[in-house]
Amino acid sequence: MKRVINKKLYDTSTAELIANNEFQDGANKFNQGRAVYLYRTRKGQFFAHYVTCWQGEQDSIESLTIPEAIELFEFIPGNPDVWPEEFGPLEDA
């Protein structure tokens, strides 16, 4: 999917997929009829791609700030091994 936001092109086919909740329950794709994918462009901009199976809704792309990308990564949840590369070092709890 492609979308222009603030004169910048966001393209899921050229960006790196960081995390998603496609199989949130571990078995069923789009368990609740929706999924979200967190991407990073080659220039380092994060964005979310929202996918829906529901009639009357449309897939969409939203540009994210770094704090918003971190919040989404934690919500999805993303693979902790990816965190340092994307957001910097983690400290132990």
PDB file of N, CA and C in Angstrom:
ATOM      1  N   MET A   1       0.854  -1.172   0.000  1.00  0.00           N
ATOM      2  CA  MET A   1       0.000   0.000   0.000  1.00  0.00           C
ATOM      3  C   MET A   1       0.899   1.233   0.000  1.00  0.00           C
ATOM      4  N   LYS A   2       0.467   2.252  -0.679  1.00  0.00           N
ATOM      5  CA  LYS A   2       1.194   3.520  -0.739  1.00  0.00           C
ATOM      6  C   LYS A   2       0.279   4.651  -0.307  1.00  0.00           C
ATOM      7  N   ARG A   3       0.886   5.649   0.343  1.00  0.00           N
ATOM      8  CA  ARG A   3       0.120   6.836   0.715  1.00  0.00           C
ATOM      9  C   ARG A   3       1.083   8.009   0.840  1.00  0.00           C
ATOM     10  N   VAL A   4       0.638   9.181   0.398  1.00  0.00           N
ATOM     11  CA  VAL A   4       1.414  10.407   0.548  1.00  0.00           C
ATOM     12  C   VAL A   4       0.894  11.148   1.769  1.00  0.00           C
ATOM     13  N   ILE A   5       1.809  11.468   2.693  1.00  0.00           N
ATOM     14  CA  ILE A   5       1.488  12.222   3.902  1.00  0.00           C
ATOM     15  C   ILE A   5       2.525  13.330   4.032  1.00  0.00           C
ATOM     16  N   ASN A   6       2.071  14.559   4.096  1.00  0.00           N
ATOM     17  CA  ASN A   6       2.971  15.718   4.208  1.00  0.00           C
ATOM     18  C   ASN A   6       4.069  15.707   3.146  1.00  0.00           C
ATOM     19  N   LYS A   7       3.675  15.430   1.911  1.00  0.00           N
ATOM     20  CA  LYS A   7       4.564  15.441   0.747  1.00  0.00           C
ATOM     21  C   LYS A   7       5.638  14.359   0.803  1.00  0.00           C
ATOM     22  N   LYS A   8       5.403  13.295   1.578  1.00  0.00           N
ATOM     23  CA  LYS A   8       6.334  12.172   1.657  1.00  0.00           C
ATOM     24  C   LYS A   8       5.578  10.890   1.326  1.00  0.00           C
ATOM     25  N   LEU A   9       6.244  10.003   0.576  1.00  0.00           N
ATOM     26  CA  LEU A   9       5.638   8.737   0.176  1.00  0.00           C
ATOM     27  C   LEU A   9       5.937   7.660   1.213  1.00  0.00           C
ATOM     28  N   TYR A  10       4.887   7.014   1.690  1.00  0.00           N
ATOM     29  CA  TYR A  10       4.993   5.869   2.590  1.00  0.00           C
ATOM     30  C   TYR A  10       4.542   4.649   1.798  1.00  0.00           C
ATOM     31  N   ASP A  11       5.436   3.662   1.656  1.00  0.00           N
ATOM     32  CA  ASP A  11       5.189   2.514   0.785  1.00  0.00           C
ATOM     33  C   ASP A  11       5.552   1.230   1.528  1.00  0.00           C
ATOM     34  N   THR A  12       4.573   0.379   1.762  1.00  0.00           N
ATOM     35  CA  THR A  12       4.827  -0.864   2.490  1.00  0.00           C
ATOM     36  C   THR A  12       5.721  -1.820   1.704  1.00  0.00           C
ATOM     37  N   SER A  13       5.776  -1.674   0.386  1.00  0.00           N
ATOM     38  CA  SER A  13       6.590  -2.598  -0.413  1.00  0.00           C
ATOM     39  C   SER A  13       8.075  -2.266  -0.371  1.00  0.00           C
ATOM     40  N   THR A  14       8.435  -1.051   0.045  1.00  0.00           N
ATOM     41  CA  THR A  14       9.850  -0.680   0.109  1.00  0.00           C
ATOM     42  C   THR A  14      10.337  -0.448   1.536  1.00  0.00           C
ATOM     43  N   ALA A  15       9.430  -0.391   2.494  1.00  0.00           N
ATOM     44  CA  ALA A  15       9.804  -0.165   3.894  1.00  0.00           C
ATOM     45  C   ALA A  15      10.090  -1.500   4.584  1.00  0.00           C
ATOM     46  N   GLU A  16      10.774  -1.425   5.724  1.00  0.00           N
ATOM     47  CA  GLU A  16      11.082  -2.627   6.501  1.00  0.00           C
ATOM     48  C   GLU A  16       9.993  -2.871   7.537  1.00  0.00           C
ATOM     49  N   LEU A  17       9.445  -4.079   7.533  1.00  0.00           N
ATOM     50  CA  LEU A  17       8.444  -4.465   8.526  1.00  0.00           C
ATOM     51  C   LEU A  17       9.149  -4.726   9.853  1.00  0.00           C
ATOM     52  N   ILE A  18       8.707  -4.026  10.908  1.00  0.00           N
ATOM     53  CA  ILE A  18       9.322  -4.138  12.229  1.00  0.00           C
ATOM     54  C   ILE A  18       8.524  -5.079  13.125  1.00  0.00           C
ATOM     55  N   ALA A  19       7.210  -4.967  13.105  1.00  0.00           N
ATOM     56  CA  ALA A  19       6.350  -5.777  13.972  1.00  0.00           C
ATOM     57  C   ALA A  19       4.931  -5.769  13.420  1.00  0.00           C
ATOM     58  N   ASN A  20       4.147  -6.768  13.820  1.00  0.00           N
ATOM     59  CA  ASN A  20       2.732  -6.798  13.444  1.00  0.00           C
ATOM     60  C   ASN A  20       1.969  -7.698  14.403  1.00  0.00           C
ATOM     61  N   ASN A  21       0.658  -7.553  14.393  1.00  0.00           N
ATOM     62  CA  ASN A  21      -0.191  -8.415  15.217  1.00  0.00           C
ATOM     63  C   ASN A  21      -1.129  -9.257  14.354  1.00  0.00           C
ATOM     64  N   GLU A  22      -0.633  -9.644  13.193  1.00  0.00           N
ATOM     65  CA  GLU A  22      -1.430 -10.391  12.222  1.00  0.00           C
ATOM     66  C   GLU A  22      -2.020 -11.667  12.825  1.00  0.00           C
ATOM     67  N   PHE A  23      -1.226 -12.404  13.576  1.00  0.00           N
ATOM     68  CA  PHE A  23      -1.678 -13.634  14.233  1.00  0.00           C
ATOM     69  C   PHE A  23      -1.682 -13.416  15.742  1.00  0.00           C
ATOM     70  N   GLN A  24      -2.413 -12.420  16.187  1.00  0.00           N
ATOM     71  CA  GLN A  24      -2.397 -11.990  17.582  1.00  0.00           C
ATOM     72  C   GLN A  24      -2.728 -13.122  18.550  1.00  0.00           C
ATOM     73  N   ASP A  25      -3.639 -14.008  18.172  1.00  0.00           N
ATOM     74  CA  ASP A  25      -4.006 -15.108  19.071  1.00  0.00           C
ATOM     75  C   ASP A  25      -3.132 -16.344  18.862  1.00  0.00           C
ATOM     76  N   GLY A  26      -2.156 -16.247  17.958  1.00  0.00           N
ATOM     77  CA  GLY A  26      -1.238 -17.344  17.720  1.00  0.00           C
ATOM     78  C   GLY A  26      -1.675 -18.322  16.649  1.00  0.00           C
ATOM     79  N   ALA A  27      -2.901 -18.228  16.178  1.00  0.00           N
ATOM     80  CA  ALA A  27      -3.389 -19.199  15.206  1.00  0.00           C
ATOM     81  C   ALA A  27      -4.172 -18.589  14.051  1.00  0.00           C
ATOM     82  N   ASN A  28      -4.953 -17.563  14.318  1.00  0.00           N
ATOM     83  CA  ASN A  28      -5.871 -17.032  13.312  1.00  0.00           C
ATOM     84  C   ASN A  28      -5.409 -15.682  12.775  1.00  0.00           C
ATOM     85  N   LYS A  29      -5.288 -15.605  11.449  1.00  0.00           N
ATOM     86  CA  LYS A  29      -4.919 -14.342  10.819  1.00  0.00           C
ATOM     87  C   LYS A  29      -6.070 -13.361  10.964  1.00  0.00           C
ATOM     88  N   PHE A  30      -5.757 -12.130  11.347  1.00  0.00           N
ATOM     89  CA  PHE A  30      -6.769 -11.084  11.543  1.00  0.00           C
ATOM     90  C   PHE A  30      -7.852 -11.573  12.496  1.00  0.00           C
ATOM     91  N   ASN A  31      -7.450 -12.069  13.636  1.00  0.00           N
ATOM     92  CA  ASN A  31      -8.366 -12.659  14.609  1.00  0.00           C
ATOM     93  C   ASN A  31      -9.585 -11.785  14.867  1.00  0.00           C
ATOM     94  N   GLN A  32      -9.397 -10.477  14.946  1.00  0.00           N
ATOM     95  CA  GLN A  32     -10.510  -9.574  15.233  1.00  0.00           C
ATOM     96  C   GLN A  32     -10.945  -8.797  13.991  1.00  0.00           C
ATOM     97  N   GLY A  33     -10.510  -9.259  12.820  1.00  0.00           N
ATOM     98  CA  GLY A  33     -10.880  -8.597  11.580  1.00  0.00           C
ATOM     99  C   GLY A  33      -9.981  -7.436  11.217  1.00  0.00           C
ATOM    100  N   ARG A  34      -8.987  -7.167  12.058  1.00  0.00           N
ATOM    101  CA  ARG A  34      -8.071  -6.052  11.821  1.00  0.00           C
ATOM    102  C   ARG A  34      -6.654  -6.471  12.207  1.00  0.00           C
ATOM    103  N   ALA A  35      -5.684  -5.812  11.611  1.00  0.00           N
ATOM    104  CA  ALA A  35      -4.287  -6.014  11.984  1.00  0.00           C
ATOM    105  C   ALA A  35      -3.551  -4.699  11.787  1.00  0.00           C
ATOM    106  N   VAL A  36      -2.442  -4.557  12.497  1.00  0.00           N
ATOM    107  CA  VAL A  36      -1.602  -3.372  12.336  1.00  0.00           C
ATOM    108  C   VAL A  36      -0.165  -3.831  12.127  1.00  0.00           C
ATOM    109  N   TYR A  37       0.518  -3.141  11.218  1.00  0.00           N
ATOM    110  CA  TYR A  37       1.900  -3.436  10.872  1.00  0.00           C
ATOM    111  C   TYR A  37       2.725  -2.180  11.124  1.00  0.00           C
ATOM    112  N   LEU A  38       3.847  -2.333  11.803  1.00  0.00           N
ATOM    113  CA  LEU A  38       4.756  -1.220  12.065  1.00  0.00           C
ATOM    114  C   LEU A  38       5.917  -1.318  11.089  1.00  0.00           C
ATOM    115  N   TYR A  39       6.147  -0.244  10.335  1.00  0.00           N
ATOM    116  CA  TYR A  39       7.209  -0.193   9.337  1.00  0.00           C
ATOM    117  C   TYR A  39       8.166   0.955   9.627  1.00  0.00           C
ATOM    118  N   ARG A  40       9.395   0.820   9.046  1.00  0.00           N
ATOM    119  CA  ARG A  40      10.366   1.911   9.041  1.00  0.00           C
ATOM    120  C   ARG A  40      10.839   2.092   7.603  1.00  0.00           C
ATOM    121  N   THR A  41      10.805   3.330   7.127  1.00  0.00           N
ATOM    122  CA  THR A  41      11.266   3.620   5.771  1.00  0.00           C
ATOM    123  C   THR A  41      12.792   3.583   5.726  1.00  0.00           C
ATOM    124  N   ARG A  42      13.341   3.594   4.528  1.00  0.00           N
ATOM    125  CA  ARG A  42      14.801   3.613   4.370  1.00  0.00           C
ATOM    126  C   ARG A  42      15.421   4.862   4.978  1.00  0.00           C
ATOM    127  N   LYS A  43      14.631   5.924   5.095  1.00  0.00           N
ATOM    128  CA  LYS A  43      15.125   7.171   5.692  1.00  0.00           C
ATOM    129  C   LYS A  43      14.867   7.237   7.190  1.00  0.00           C
ATOM    130  N   GLY A  44      14.316   6.161   7.774  1.00  0.00           N
ATOM    131  CA  GLY A  44      14.154   6.091   9.219  1.00  0.00           C
ATOM    132  C   GLY A  44      12.827   6.564   9.774  1.00  0.00           C
ATOM    133  N   GLN A  45      11.872   6.882   8.907  1.00  0.00           N
ATOM    134  CA  GLN A  45      10.554   7.330   9.374  1.00  0.00           C
ATOM    135  C   GLN A  45       9.677   6.112   9.663  1.00  0.00           C
ATOM    136  N   PHE A  46       9.049   6.104  10.830  1.00  0.00           N
ATOM    137  CA  PHE A  46       8.147   5.014  11.197  1.00  0.00           C
ATOM    138  C   PHE A  46       6.730   5.318  10.718  1.00  0.00           C
ATOM    139  N   PHE A  47       6.005   4.246  10.364  1.00  0.00           N
ATOM    140  CA  PHE A  47       4.591   4.404  10.040  1.00  0.00           C
ATOM    141  C   PHE A  47       3.841   3.116  10.345  1.00  0.00           C
ATOM    142  N   ALA A  48       2.540   3.263  10.551  1.00  0.00           N
ATOM    143  CA  ALA A  48       1.663   2.130  10.822  1.00  0.00           C
ATOM    144  C   ALA A  48       0.769   1.902   9.613  1.00  0.00           C
ATOM    145  N   HIS A  49       0.598   0.644   9.262  1.00  0.00           N
ATOM    146  CA  HIS A  49      -0.317   0.243   8.195  1.00  0.00           C
ATOM    147  C   HIS A  49      -1.431  -0.548   8.858  1.00  0.00           C
ATOM    148  N   TYR A  50      -2.618  -0.003   8.827  1.00  0.00           N
ATOM    149  CA  TYR A  50      -3.788  -0.638   9.432  1.00  0.00           C
ATOM    150  C   TYR A  50      -4.560  -1.373   8.347  1.00  0.00           C
ATOM    151  N   VAL A  51      -4.816  -2.662   8.566  1.00  0.00           N
ATOM    152  CA  VAL A  51      -5.511  -3.503   7.598  1.00  0.00           C
ATOM    153  C   VAL A  51      -6.801  -3.999   8.237  1.00  0.00           C
ATOM    154  N   THR A  52      -7.874  -3.986   7.465  1.00  0.00           N
ATOM    155  CA  THR A  52      -9.166  -4.429   7.981  1.00  0.00           C
ATOM    156  C   THR A  52      -9.844  -5.371   7.001  1.00  0.00           C
ATOM    157  N   CYS A  53     -10.633  -6.264   7.532  1.00  0.00           N
ATOM    158  CA  CYS A  53     -11.461  -7.165   6.721  1.00  0.00           C
ATOM    159  C   CYS A  53     -12.924  -6.749   6.770  1.00  0.00           C
ATOM    160  N   TRP A  54     -13.208  -5.686   7.512  1.00  0.00           N
ATOM    161  CA  TRP A  54     -14.594  -5.293   7.753  1.00  0.00           C
ATOM    162  C   TRP A  54     -15.152  -4.423   6.630  1.00  0.00           C
ATOM    163  N   GLN A  55     -16.379  -4.738   6.230  1.00  0.00           N
ATOM    164  CA  GLN A  55     -17.076  -3.956   5.221  1.00  0.00           C
ATOM    165  C   GLN A  55     -17.286  -2.541   5.753  1.00  0.00           C
ATOM    166  N   GLY A  56     -17.065  -1.559   4.910  1.00  0.00           N
ATOM    167  CA  GLY A  56     -17.249  -0.167   5.300  1.00  0.00           C
ATOM    168  C   GLY A  56     -16.002   0.470   5.885  1.00  0.00           C
ATOM    169  N   GLU A  57     -14.959  -0.319   6.136  1.00  0.00           N
ATOM    170  CA  GLU A  57     -13.685   0.214   6.626  1.00  0.00           C
ATOM    171  C   GLU A  57     -12.654   0.099   5.518  1.00  0.00           C
ATOM    172  N   GLN A  58     -11.640   0.957   5.576  1.00  0.00           N
ATOM    173  CA  GLN A  58     -10.580   0.935   4.575  1.00  0.00           C
ATOM    174  C   GLN A  58      -9.230   0.776   5.255  1.00  0.00           C
ATOM    175  N   ASP A  59      -8.307   0.116   4.556  1.00  0.00           N
ATOM    176  CA  ASP A  59      -6.935   0.060   5.029  1.00  0.00           C
ATOM    177  C   ASP A  59      -6.378   1.478   5.026  1.00  0.00           C
ATOM    178  N   SER A  60      -5.431   1.748   5.920  1.00  0.00           N
ATOM    179  CA  SER A  60      -4.879   3.097   5.989  1.00  0.00           C
ATOM    180  C   SER A  60      -3.428   3.060   6.448  1.00  0.00           C
ATOM    181  N   ILE A  61      -2.743   4.171   6.249  1.00  0.00           N
ATOM    182  CA  ILE A  61      -1.366   4.363   6.699  1.00  0.00           C
ATOM    183  C   ILE A  61      -1.322   5.632   7.523  1.00  0.00           C
ATOM    184  N   GLU A  62      -0.563   5.573   8.625  1.00  0.00           N
ATOM    185  CA  GLU A  62      -0.409   6.723   9.515  1.00  0.00           C
ATOM    186  C   GLU A  62       1.076   6.915   9.815  1.00  0.00           C
ATOM    187  N   SER A  63       1.586   8.113   9.591  1.00  0.00           N
ATOM    188  CA  SER A  63       2.957   8.451   9.957  1.00  0.00           C
ATOM    189  C   SER A  63       3.067   8.499  11.477  1.00  0.00           C
ATOM    190  N   LEU A  64       4.189   7.999  12.024  1.00  0.00           N
ATOM    191  CA  LEU A  64       4.368   7.949  13.473  1.00  0.00           C
ATOM    192  C   LEU A  64       5.645   8.659  13.910  1.00  0.00           C
ATOM    193  N   THR A  65       5.576   9.318  15.047  1.00  0.00           N
ATOM    194  CA  THR A  65       6.784   9.832  15.686  1.00  0.00           C
ATOM    195  C   THR A  65       7.492   8.645  16.345  1.00  0.00           C
ATOM    196  N   ILE A  66       8.724   8.838  16.789  1.00  0.00           N
ATOM    197  CA  ILE A  66       9.435   7.755  17.475  1.00  0.00           C
ATOM    198  C   ILE A  66       8.690   7.320  18.732  1.00  0.00           C
ATOM    199  N   PRO A  67       8.225   8.245  19.600  1.00  0.00           N
ATOM    200  CA  PRO A  67       7.458   7.794  20.770  1.00  0.00           C
ATOM    201  C   PRO A  67       6.187   7.019  20.394  1.00  0.00           C
ATOM    202  N   GLU A  68       5.515   7.416  19.323  1.00  0.00           N
ATOM    203  CA  GLU A  68       4.318   6.688  18.875  1.00  0.00           C
ATOM    204  C   GLU A  68       4.686   5.296  18.359  1.00  0.00           C
ATOM    205  N   ALA A  69       5.818   5.197  17.644  1.00  0.00           N
ATOM    206  CA  ALA A  69       6.275   3.897  17.147  1.00  0.00           C
ATOM    207  C   ALA A  69       6.633   2.974  18.309  1.00  0.00           C
ATOM    208  N   ILE A  70       7.276   3.516  19.333  1.00  0.00           N
ATOM    209  CA  ILE A  70       7.616   2.728  20.522  1.00  0.00           C
ATOM    210  C   ILE A  70       6.345   2.235  21.203  1.00  0.00           C
ATOM    211  N   GLU A  71       5.376   3.112  21.352  1.00  0.00           N
ATOM    212  CA  GLU A  71       4.108   2.734  21.982  1.00  0.00           C
ATOM    213  C   GLU A  71       3.415   1.620  21.195  1.00  0.00           C
ATOM    214  N   LEU A  72       3.405   1.730  19.871  1.00  0.00           N
ATOM    215  CA  LEU A  72       2.786   0.703  19.038  1.00  0.00           C
ATOM    216  C   LEU A  72       3.567  -0.607  19.133  1.00  0.00           C
ATOM    217  N   PHE A  73       4.899  -0.528  19.116  1.00  0.00           N
ATOM    218  CA  PHE A  73       5.743  -1.717  19.229  1.00  0.00           C
ATOM    219  C   PHE A  73       5.442  -2.472  20.518  1.00  0.00           C
ATOM    220  N   GLU A  74       5.280  -1.734  21.614  1.00  0.00           N
ATOM    221  CA  GLU A  74       4.981  -2.364  22.901  1.00  0.00           C
ATOM    222  C   GLU A  74       3.557  -2.918  22.931  1.00  0.00           C
ATOM    223  N   PHE A  75       2.629  -2.274  22.244  1.00  0.00           N
ATOM    224  CA  PHE A  75       1.233  -2.712  22.209  1.00  0.00           C
ATOM    225  C   PHE A  75       1.069  -3.998  21.401  1.00  0.00           C
ATOM    226  N   ILE A  76       1.809  -4.125  20.305  1.00  0.00           N
ATOM    227  CA  ILE A  76       1.571  -5.232  19.356  1.00  0.00           C
ATOM    228  C   ILE A  76       1.729  -6.628  19.974  1.00  0.00           C
ATOM    229  N   PRO A  77       2.619  -7.083  20.719  1.00  0.00           N
ATOM    230  CA  PRO A  77       3.968  -6.622  21.025  1.00  0.00           C
ATOM    231  C   PRO A  77       4.960  -7.104  19.974  1.00  0.00           C
ATOM    232  N   GLY A  78       6.020  -6.334  19.802  1.00  0.00           N
ATOM    233  CA  GLY A  78       7.047  -6.695  18.839  1.00  0.00           C
ATOM    234  C   GLY A  78       8.083  -7.630  19.448  1.00  0.00           C
ATOM    235  N   ASN A  79       8.952  -8.152  18.608  1.00  0.00           N
ATOM    236  CA  ASN A  79      10.032  -9.036  19.031  1.00  0.00           C
ATOM    237  C   ASN A  79      11.082  -8.216  19.784  1.00  0.00           C
ATOM    238  N   PRO A  80      11.360  -8.528  21.055  1.00  0.00           N
ATOM    239  CA  PRO A  80      12.329  -7.751  21.834  1.00  0.00           C
ATOM    240  C   PRO A  80      13.722  -7.713  21.211  1.00  0.00           C
ATOM    241  N   ASP A  81      14.081  -8.733  20.414  1.00  0.00           N
ATOM    242  CA  ASP A  81      15.402  -8.754  19.783  1.00  0.00           C
ATOM    243  C   ASP A  81      15.554  -7.660  18.736  1.00  0.00           C
ATOM    244  N   VAL A  82      14.458  -7.144  18.226  1.00  0.00           N
ATOM    245  CA  VAL A  82      14.480  -6.087  17.209  1.00  0.00           C
ATOM    246  C   VAL A  82      14.654  -4.712  17.854  1.00  0.00           C
ATOM    247  N   TRP A  83      14.243  -4.571  19.101  1.00  0.00           N
ATOM    248  CA  TRP A  83      14.230  -3.275  19.796  1.00  0.00           C
ATOM    249  C   TRP A  83      15.545  -2.498  19.677  1.00  0.00           C
ATOM    250  N   PRO A  84      16.713  -3.083  20.058  1.00  0.00           N
ATOM    251  CA  PRO A  84      17.958  -2.290  20.048  1.00  0.00           C
ATOM    252  C   PRO A  84      18.286  -1.685  18.688  1.00  0.00           C
ATOM    253  N   GLU A  85      18.041  -2.439  17.626  1.00  0.00           N
ATOM    254  CA  GLU A  85      18.323  -1.943  16.280  1.00  0.00           C
ATOM    255  C   GLU A  85      17.429  -0.761  15.913  1.00  0.00           C
ATOM    256  N   GLU A  86      16.190  -0.794  16.364  1.00  0.00           N
ATOM    257  CA  GLU A  86      15.226   0.235  15.989  1.00  0.00           C
ATOM    258  C   GLU A  86      15.196   1.425  16.948  1.00  0.00           C
ATOM    259  N   PHE A  87      15.311   1.158  18.244  1.00  0.00           N
ATOM    260  CA  PHE A  87      15.069   2.206  19.238  1.00  0.00           C
ATOM    261  C   PHE A  87      16.215   2.434  20.220  1.00  0.00           C
ATOM    262  N   GLY A  88      17.265   1.628  20.166  1.00  0.00           N
ATOM    263  CA  GLY A  88      18.385   1.794  21.084  1.00  0.00           C
ATOM    264  C   GLY A  88      18.403   0.717  22.156  1.00  0.00           C
ATOM    265  N   PRO A  89      19.425   0.753  23.018  1.00  0.00           N
ATOM    266  CA  PRO A  89      19.587  -0.307  24.019  1.00  0.00           C
ATOM    267  C   PRO A  89      18.445  -0.365  25.023  1.00  0.00           C
ATOM    268  N   LEU A  90      18.174  -1.585  25.469  1.00  0.00           N
ATOM    269  CA  LEU A  90      17.190  -1.820  26.526  1.00  0.00           C
ATOM    270  C   LEU A  90      17.921  -2.046  27.839  1.00  0.00           C
ATOM    271  N   GLU A  91      17.302  -1.662  28.924  1.00  0.00           N
ATOM    272  CA  GLU A  91      17.868  -1.994  30.226  1.00  0.00           C
ATOM    273  C   GLU A  91      17.007  -3.071  30.864  1.00  0.00           C
ATOM    274  N   ASP A  92      17.630  -3.892  31.687  1.00  0.00           N
ATOM    275  CA  ASP A  92      16.890  -4.934  32.398  1.00  0.00           C
ATOM    276  C   ASP A  92      15.963  -4.310  33.423  1.00  0.00           C
ATOM    277  N   ALA A  93      14.832  -4.959  33.649  1.00  0.00           N
ATOM    278  CA  ALA A  93      13.855  -4.478  34.631  1.00  0.00           C
ATOM    279  C   ALA A  93      14.343  -4.767  36.036  1.00  0.00           C
TER     280      ALA A  93
END
